[in-house]
Protein backbone atom coordinates (compact mmCIF):
# COMPACT_ATOMS: atom_id res chain seq x y z
CA UNK A 1 -31.78 85.92 38.50
CA UNK A 2 -34.29 83.17 39.26
CA UNK A 3 -33.85 80.00 39.52
CA UNK A 4 -37.05 78.01 37.81
CA UNK A 5 -36.38 74.09 37.89
CA UNK A 6 -38.72 71.85 35.77
CA UNK A 7 -39.25 69.15 39.04
CA UNK A 8 -38.97 70.26 42.41
CA UNK A 9 -38.23 67.04 44.33
CA UNK A 10 -36.38 68.74 47.10
CA UNK A 11 -39.65 70.97 47.70
CA UNK A 12 -42.22 68.06 47.91
CA UNK A 13 -40.05 66.65 50.18
CA UNK A 14 -39.68 69.40 52.71
CA UNK A 15 -43.67 69.53 51.91
CA UNK A 16 -44.18 65.80 52.97
CA UNK A 17 -41.04 64.97 55.38
CA UNK A 18 -42.78 64.41 58.95
CA UNK A 19 -45.50 62.32 57.21
CA UNK A 20 -43.45 60.40 55.07
CA UNK A 21 -40.77 59.30 57.15
CA UNK A 22 -43.42 58.34 59.75
CA UNK A 23 -44.69 56.12 57.34
CA UNK A 24 -41.18 54.71 56.02
CA UNK A 25 -40.52 53.70 59.63
CA UNK A 26 -43.89 51.94 60.03
CA UNK A 27 -43.01 49.80 57.07
CA UNK A 28 -39.38 49.14 58.39
CA UNK A 29 -40.98 48.56 61.63
CA UNK A 30 -43.08 46.00 60.33
CA UNK A 31 -40.73 44.41 57.56
CA UNK A 32 -43.18 44.16 54.78
CA UNK A 33 -41.05 44.86 52.29
CA UNK A 34 -42.65 43.17 49.68
CA UNK A 35 -46.26 42.99 49.14
CA UNK A 36 -48.14 43.30 52.42
CA UNK A 37 -50.95 45.52 53.83
CA UNK A 38 -49.73 48.73 52.49
CA UNK A 39 -50.00 47.20 48.85
CA UNK A 40 -53.02 45.88 49.62
CA UNK A 41 -54.67 49.35 51.30
CA UNK A 42 -53.27 50.88 48.06
CA UNK A 43 -55.10 49.26 45.39
CA UNK A 44 -58.25 48.98 47.11
CA UNK A 45 -57.73 52.87 47.47
CA UNK A 46 -57.07 53.29 44.00
CA UNK A 47 -59.73 51.58 43.12
CA UNK A 48 -62.35 54.01 44.75
CA UNK A 49 -60.23 56.83 43.39
CA UNK A 50 -61.47 55.60 40.08
CA UNK A 51 -65.04 53.85 41.03
CA UNK A 52 -64.17 50.76 40.05
CA UNK A 53 -64.01 47.15 42.22
CA UNK A 54 -61.50 46.98 43.93
CA UNK A 55 -60.50 43.52 42.48
CA UNK A 56 -59.87 45.33 39.48
CA UNK A 57 -56.69 47.08 40.49
CA UNK A 58 -53.37 45.29 40.48
CA UNK A 59 -50.33 47.15 41.42
CA UNK A 60 -46.86 46.60 39.69
CA UNK A 61 -43.36 47.28 39.53
CA UNK A 62 -43.79 49.69 36.92
CA UNK A 63 -46.55 51.65 34.39
CA UNK A 64 -44.20 49.08 31.29
CA UNK A 65 -45.13 45.46 33.56
CA UNK A 66 -48.56 46.78 33.31
CA UNK A 67 -48.97 46.86 29.69
CA UNK A 68 -46.80 43.96 28.90
CA UNK A 69 -48.99 41.81 31.61
CA UNK A 70 -52.25 43.30 31.01
CA UNK A 71 -51.99 42.45 26.88
CA UNK A 72 -50.99 39.16 27.84
CA UNK A 73 -53.70 38.71 29.79
CA UNK A 74 -56.31 40.09 26.54
CA UNK A 75 -54.71 37.19 24.65
CA UNK A 76 -52.37 39.81 22.87
CA UNK A 77 -49.17 38.00 21.22
CA UNK A 78 -47.22 36.97 18.13
CA UNK A 79 -48.62 37.65 14.71
CA UNK A 80 -51.15 40.56 16.37
CA UNK A 81 -51.07 44.10 15.81
CA UNK A 82 -51.89 46.95 17.94
CA UNK A 83 -52.49 50.79 16.68
CA UNK A 84 -50.81 53.57 18.40
CA UNK A 85 -49.15 57.07 18.36
CA UNK A 86 -45.70 57.28 17.17
CA UNK A 87 -45.22 60.45 19.49
CA UNK A 88 -44.97 58.64 22.43
CA UNK A 89 -42.42 57.45 25.02
CA UNK A 90 -40.68 54.76 23.96
CA UNK A 91 -42.46 52.03 26.62
CA UNK A 92 -45.99 52.22 24.40
CA UNK A 93 -44.12 50.67 21.14
CA UNK A 94 -41.70 48.47 23.07
CA UNK A 95 -44.02 47.00 25.34
CA UNK A 96 -46.29 45.79 22.35
CA UNK A 97 -42.84 44.09 20.36
CA UNK A 98 -41.77 43.04 24.02
CA UNK A 99 -44.84 40.34 23.81
CA UNK A 100 -44.59 39.68 20.20
CA UNK A 101 -46.99 41.65 18.33
CA UNK A 102 -46.47 44.65 16.04
CA UNK A 103 -46.55 48.44 16.55
CA UNK A 104 -48.69 50.04 13.95
CA UNK A 105 -48.28 53.85 14.47
CA UNK A 106 -51.12 55.81 13.18
CA UNK A 107 -50.69 59.96 13.20
CA UNK A 108 -51.89 62.53 15.67
CA UNK A 109 -53.99 65.53 15.63
CA UNK A 110 -52.92 69.17 16.61
CA UNK A 111 -53.27 68.26 20.22
CA UNK A 112 -50.68 65.59 20.22
CA UNK A 113 -53.06 62.70 20.70
CA UNK A 114 -53.91 59.98 18.66
CA UNK A 115 -55.81 60.53 15.52
CA UNK A 116 -59.10 58.44 15.33
CA UNK A 117 -59.58 58.49 11.58
CA UNK A 118 -55.32 57.33 10.82
CA UNK A 119 -56.73 54.44 13.09
CA UNK A 120 -59.30 53.45 11.04
CA UNK A 121 -57.07 53.60 8.11
CA UNK A 122 -54.14 51.44 9.67
CA UNK A 123 -56.70 48.68 10.85
CA UNK A 124 -55.74 45.35 9.40
CA UNK A 125 -56.76 41.72 10.01
CA UNK A 126 -54.04 41.32 11.84
CA UNK A 127 -54.92 44.33 14.24
CA UNK A 128 -56.40 42.83 17.76
CA UNK A 129 -56.12 46.12 19.35
CA UNK A 130 -55.59 50.30 19.89
CA UNK A 131 -53.44 51.54 21.99
CA UNK A 132 -54.52 55.31 22.97
CA UNK A 133 -51.88 57.45 24.80
CA UNK A 134 -53.48 60.05 26.61
CA UNK A 135 -50.06 62.33 26.50
CA UNK A 136 -49.46 65.45 28.70
CA UNK A 137 -52.59 64.57 31.07
CA UNK A 138 -54.62 64.88 27.96
CA UNK A 139 -57.42 62.04 27.53
CA UNK A 140 -57.29 60.94 23.53
CA UNK A 141 -60.69 61.46 21.67
CA UNK A 142 -62.15 58.16 22.83
CA UNK A 143 -65.46 58.00 21.66
CA UNK A 144 -64.80 57.97 18.02
CA UNK A 145 -62.28 55.07 19.34
CA UNK A 146 -64.77 53.15 21.05
CA UNK A 147 -66.51 52.79 18.06
CA UNK A 148 -63.68 51.44 16.15
CA UNK A 149 -62.95 48.91 18.63
CA UNK A 150 -66.82 47.66 18.65
CA UNK A 151 -67.03 47.66 15.10
CA UNK A 152 -64.08 45.89 14.45
CA UNK A 153 -64.37 43.63 17.75
CA UNK A 154 -60.61 45.11 18.91
CA UNK A 155 -58.93 45.73 22.95
CA UNK A 156 -58.67 49.05 23.94
CA UNK A 157 -55.79 48.99 25.35
CA UNK A 158 -54.95 52.43 27.54
CA UNK A 159 -51.97 54.23 28.25
CA UNK A 160 -52.76 56.15 30.88
CA UNK A 161 -49.32 56.77 32.30
CA UNK A 162 -49.37 60.27 31.88
CA UNK A 163 -52.92 61.25 32.71
CA UNK A 164 -53.87 59.76 36.34
CA UNK A 165 -56.99 62.20 37.46
CA UNK A 166 -57.52 62.95 34.03
CA UNK A 167 -61.93 63.21 33.13
CA UNK A 168 -63.33 62.86 29.40
CA UNK A 169 -67.32 63.33 28.85
CA UNK A 170 -68.11 62.11 33.00
CA UNK A 171 -65.49 59.35 32.96
CA UNK A 172 -62.24 58.97 34.56
CA UNK A 173 -58.56 57.98 32.58
CA UNK A 174 -57.74 54.66 32.58
CA UNK A 175 -61.68 53.31 32.83
CA UNK A 176 -62.42 53.39 28.52
CA UNK A 177 -61.08 50.22 28.10
CA UNK A 178 -59.86 47.00 28.34
CA UNK A 179 -57.48 47.86 30.34
CA UNK A 180 -56.12 51.14 31.96
CA UNK A 181 -52.34 51.36 32.16
CA UNK A 182 -51.02 54.25 34.24
CA UNK A 183 -47.07 54.93 36.00
CA UNK A 184 -46.01 56.13 39.28
CA UNK A 185 -42.78 56.90 38.25
CA UNK A 186 -41.17 59.56 40.08
CA UNK A 187 -41.62 62.54 37.18
CA UNK A 188 -45.99 61.56 37.39
CA UNK A 189 -48.61 63.47 39.24
CA UNK A 190 -48.77 60.61 41.49
CA UNK A 191 -45.46 59.98 42.26
CA UNK A 192 -43.49 56.71 43.72
CA UNK A 193 -39.46 57.25 45.03
CA UNK A 194 -38.80 54.42 42.61
CA UNK A 195 -40.38 52.75 39.58
CA UNK A 196 -44.02 52.21 40.47
CA UNK A 197 -47.61 51.23 38.29
CA UNK A 198 -50.35 49.58 38.10
CA UNK A 199 -53.30 48.43 36.01
CA UNK A 200 -57.22 48.69 35.72
CA UNK A 201 -59.08 45.40 34.01
CA UNK A 202 -62.66 46.11 33.29
CA UNK A 203 -62.41 42.08 33.41
CA UNK A 204 -62.16 40.31 36.62
CA UNK A 205 -60.49 37.40 34.94
CA UNK A 206 -58.01 39.82 33.50
CA UNK A 207 -56.92 41.21 36.92
CA UNK A 208 -57.22 37.91 38.28
CA UNK A 209 -54.35 36.73 35.92
CA UNK A 210 -52.18 39.70 36.16
CA UNK A 211 -52.66 39.96 39.55
CA UNK A 212 -51.26 36.07 39.49
CA UNK A 213 -47.96 37.05 37.21
CA UNK A 214 -46.42 39.61 38.69
CA UNK A 215 -45.52 36.99 41.76
CA UNK A 216 -43.98 34.30 39.51
CA UNK A 217 -47.78 32.41 39.14
CA UNK A 218 -47.39 31.13 42.89
CA UNK A 219 -51.06 30.54 44.19
CA UNK A 220 -49.29 29.92 48.04
CA UNK A 221 -45.75 29.82 48.65
CA UNK A 222 -44.95 26.03 47.03
CA UNK A 223 -47.76 26.19 44.08
CA UNK A 224 -47.18 26.97 40.60
CA UNK A 225 -49.89 27.06 38.32
CA UNK A 226 -48.99 29.13 35.35
CA UNK A 227 -45.61 30.43 34.86
CA UNK A 228 -45.23 34.36 35.35
CA UNK A 229 -42.36 37.05 36.52
CA UNK A 230 -41.79 39.23 39.05
CA UNK A 231 -43.83 42.65 39.18
CA UNK A 232 -44.73 43.40 42.63
CA UNK A 233 -44.85 46.88 43.74
CA UNK A 234 -42.26 47.67 47.31
CA UNK A 235 -44.30 48.32 50.31
CA UNK A 236 -42.64 50.84 50.76
CA UNK A 237 -43.73 52.10 47.66
CA UNK A 238 -47.10 51.69 48.51
CA UNK A 239 -46.84 53.55 51.87
CA UNK A 240 -45.41 56.71 49.98
CA UNK A 241 -48.18 56.41 47.35
CA UNK A 242 -51.06 56.01 49.65
CA UNK A 243 -49.85 59.58 51.37
CA UNK A 244 -49.38 60.96 48.31
CA UNK A 245 -52.94 59.84 46.70
CA UNK A 246 -54.49 61.69 49.52
CA UNK A 247 -52.79 65.00 48.60
CA UNK A 248 -53.58 64.18 44.45
CA UNK A 249 -56.23 66.53 43.98
CA UNK A 250 -54.60 69.18 45.22
CA UNK A 251 -51.66 68.70 43.19
CA UNK A 252 -53.55 68.48 39.94
CA UNK A 253 -55.53 71.87 41.13
CA UNK A 254 -52.14 73.93 41.29
CA UNK A 255 -50.71 72.40 38.42
CA UNK A 256 -54.10 73.32 36.26
CA UNK A 257 -54.17 76.52 37.98
CA UNK A 258 -50.44 77.33 36.50
CA UNK A 259 -51.77 75.83 32.99
CA UNK A 260 -54.57 78.40 33.19
CA UNK A 261 -51.91 81.26 33.97
CA UNK A 262 -50.06 80.41 31.33
CA UNK A 263 -52.69 80.60 28.51
CA UNK A 264 -53.26 83.81 29.89
CA UNK A 265 -49.46 84.98 30.02
CA UNK A 266 -48.51 83.36 26.66
CA UNK A 267 -51.55 85.37 24.60
CA UNK A 268 -50.02 87.34 22.60
CA UNK A 269 -46.76 85.48 21.84
CA UNK A 270 -46.16 82.93 18.65
CA UNK A 271 -47.17 79.77 20.15
CA UNK A 272 -49.74 77.07 19.73
CA UNK A 273 -51.51 75.87 23.20
CA UNK A 274 -53.71 72.94 21.92
CA UNK A 275 -57.72 74.12 23.95
CA UNK A 276 -59.04 72.54 26.68
CA UNK A 277 -62.25 70.96 25.07
CA UNK A 278 -65.94 70.74 26.61
CA UNK A 279 -66.53 68.47 29.40
CA UNK A 280 -62.99 67.69 29.77
CA UNK A 281 -60.49 67.69 33.03
CA UNK A 282 -56.59 67.87 31.65
CA UNK A 283 -54.30 67.79 34.44
CA UNK A 284 -50.46 68.56 32.76
CA UNK A 285 -48.06 65.89 33.76
CA UNK A 286 -46.78 68.26 31.02
CA UNK A 287 -47.51 71.59 29.69
CA UNK A 288 -46.19 71.25 25.88
CA UNK A 289 -47.12 74.68 23.34
CA UNK A 290 -45.72 74.66 20.07
CA UNK A 291 -43.77 77.37 18.43
CA UNK A 292 -40.81 78.41 15.84
CA UNK A 293 -37.14 78.28 16.63
CA UNK A 294 -37.55 75.81 19.41
CA UNK A 295 -34.10 74.97 19.88
CA UNK A 296 -33.27 78.50 20.50
CA UNK A 297 -35.93 79.57 22.51
CA UNK A 298 -34.58 76.49 25.14
CA UNK A 299 -31.16 77.65 25.23
CA UNK A 300 -32.09 81.57 25.75
CA UNK A 301 -34.58 80.01 28.46
CA UNK A 302 -31.55 77.94 30.09
CA UNK A 303 -29.06 80.80 29.89
CA UNK A 304 -31.64 82.80 31.89
CA UNK A 305 -32.07 79.97 34.38
CA UNK A 306 -35.73 78.56 32.95
CA UNK A 307 -35.13 74.92 32.69
CA UNK A 308 -37.32 72.79 30.26
CA UNK A 309 -37.95 69.69 28.15
CA UNK A 310 -38.54 67.96 24.98
CA UNK A 311 -41.67 65.00 25.07
CA UNK A 312 -40.45 63.94 22.77
CA UNK A 313 -37.70 64.93 20.17
CA UNK A 314 -37.29 61.84 18.03
CA UNK A 315 -40.31 60.23 16.83
CA UNK A 316 -40.96 56.20 18.00
CA UNK A 317 -41.17 55.19 13.98
CA UNK A 318 -37.63 57.46 13.05
CA UNK A 319 -36.10 55.51 16.33
CA UNK A 320 -33.26 52.60 15.30
CA UNK A 321 -34.94 50.30 16.67
CA UNK A 322 -38.01 50.85 14.70
CA UNK A 323 -36.27 50.34 11.32
CA UNK A 324 -37.77 46.85 10.55
CA UNK A 325 -41.24 48.33 10.50
CA UNK A 326 -40.47 50.26 7.60
CA UNK A 327 -41.64 53.64 7.80
CA UNK A 328 -39.32 56.39 7.26
CA UNK A 329 -39.34 60.24 7.58
CA UNK A 330 -42.61 61.63 6.22
CA UNK A 331 -44.49 58.47 7.18
CA UNK A 332 -46.46 60.92 9.97
CA UNK A 333 -46.10 64.64 8.84
CA UNK A 334 -48.17 66.16 12.17
CA UNK A 335 -46.03 63.76 14.37
CA UNK A 336 -42.68 64.68 12.99
CA UNK A 337 -43.60 68.24 12.38
CA UNK A 338 -44.60 68.51 16.00
CA UNK A 339 -41.38 66.83 17.38
CA UNK A 340 -39.40 69.71 15.38
CA UNK A 341 -41.46 72.44 17.51
CA UNK A 342 -42.56 71.14 20.92
CA UNK A 343 -41.23 72.55 23.98
CA UNK A 344 -42.19 71.85 27.79
CA UNK A 345 -42.45 74.32 30.46
CA UNK A 346 -42.08 73.69 33.77
CA UNK A 347 -45.71 73.22 35.60
CA UNK A 348 -45.25 71.42 38.59
CA UNK A 349 -47.09 72.15 41.55
CA UNK A 350 -44.48 74.04 43.61
CA UNK A 351 -43.96 77.45 41.24
CA UNK A 352 -45.52 80.24 42.06
CA UNK A 353 -47.47 82.98 40.17
CA UNK A 354 -44.30 85.20 39.70
CA UNK A 355 -42.71 82.16 38.62
CA UNK A 356 -44.65 81.63 35.99
CA UNK A 357 -44.32 85.21 35.11
CA UNK A 358 -40.98 85.04 34.49
CA UNK A 359 -40.98 82.21 32.60
CA UNK A 360 -43.25 83.92 29.87
CA UNK A 361 -41.24 87.17 30.32
CA UNK A 362 -38.24 85.38 29.35
CA UNK A 363 -40.18 83.87 26.22
CA UNK A 364 -41.23 87.62 25.21
CA UNK A 365 -37.77 88.94 25.54
CA UNK A 366 -36.85 86.36 23.17
CA UNK A 367 -39.44 86.58 20.61
CA UNK A 368 -38.57 90.97 20.91
């Protein structure tokens, strides 16, 4: 029986071992564990990758902190509402609540990205921002969302945690909104060896404030101009990420290849796969399909050595933490239907074509 892992950190380390250990040794030799030149260089290299000025990128401890500090810098807080989809990871809604604002959910399209018409219907006088989530590495339909934001004078907060390197109509993920917030968690396509993240700000002043707040508000060792927090990126993680950023194009190319092969191999099986849209590049942080008998299929695949996941089985509006928002079952029909049908197949860059064929052969046997 073939074993198909969902992720393969061992293979990644084996491939990168020599270069990673060299960089780790350099950090220990210098002793710049907090901040330092590696973090500065990473910010410059991320800015170059995204085509933005170097002072607009701020490296942080996590994508969650990027959302929290970024929204605070935009002036979002108590009494405000932020519209976001209910099918995301908990961080999207949790960060809105963490700054004292209220998450307002809007249902999604068939491809799991937020529905611009549902966003329009959810806008109230208290709405301060729209937070689209580029789920699975697929950028939301930004053109109508940008029109809504302009018409109603709203900020756009891109939750780009899953979409580094994705493109939509000639623009790269994270550069559509007032801020773009990225996670570099170990499971992401550009991954640290622990928590990490960064923010892209359209306005240099927003970036300046976030950069100040990430280190207690210190402008020098003994002067605090604004009270902040601690959300510094470790120098060790920065060196790892600098190396992995050079490899990111090949990682994304392989994941896109795997997704294309799945589309070919799955043709004829009773599954729904959102089509790739013209003028877009999806990067497949996850490869999510929709089908009936999802839980039975997962059990069958596990018995054949194929590991799968669900992103995410319980929508945010049905989580206990969201009970006070007053949105029960039936509030967001597309999200709820998808939550019962979605399954994430392994798509990592270390899978061979033979691995992909094996996965689909097992699925075909299940449906037979």
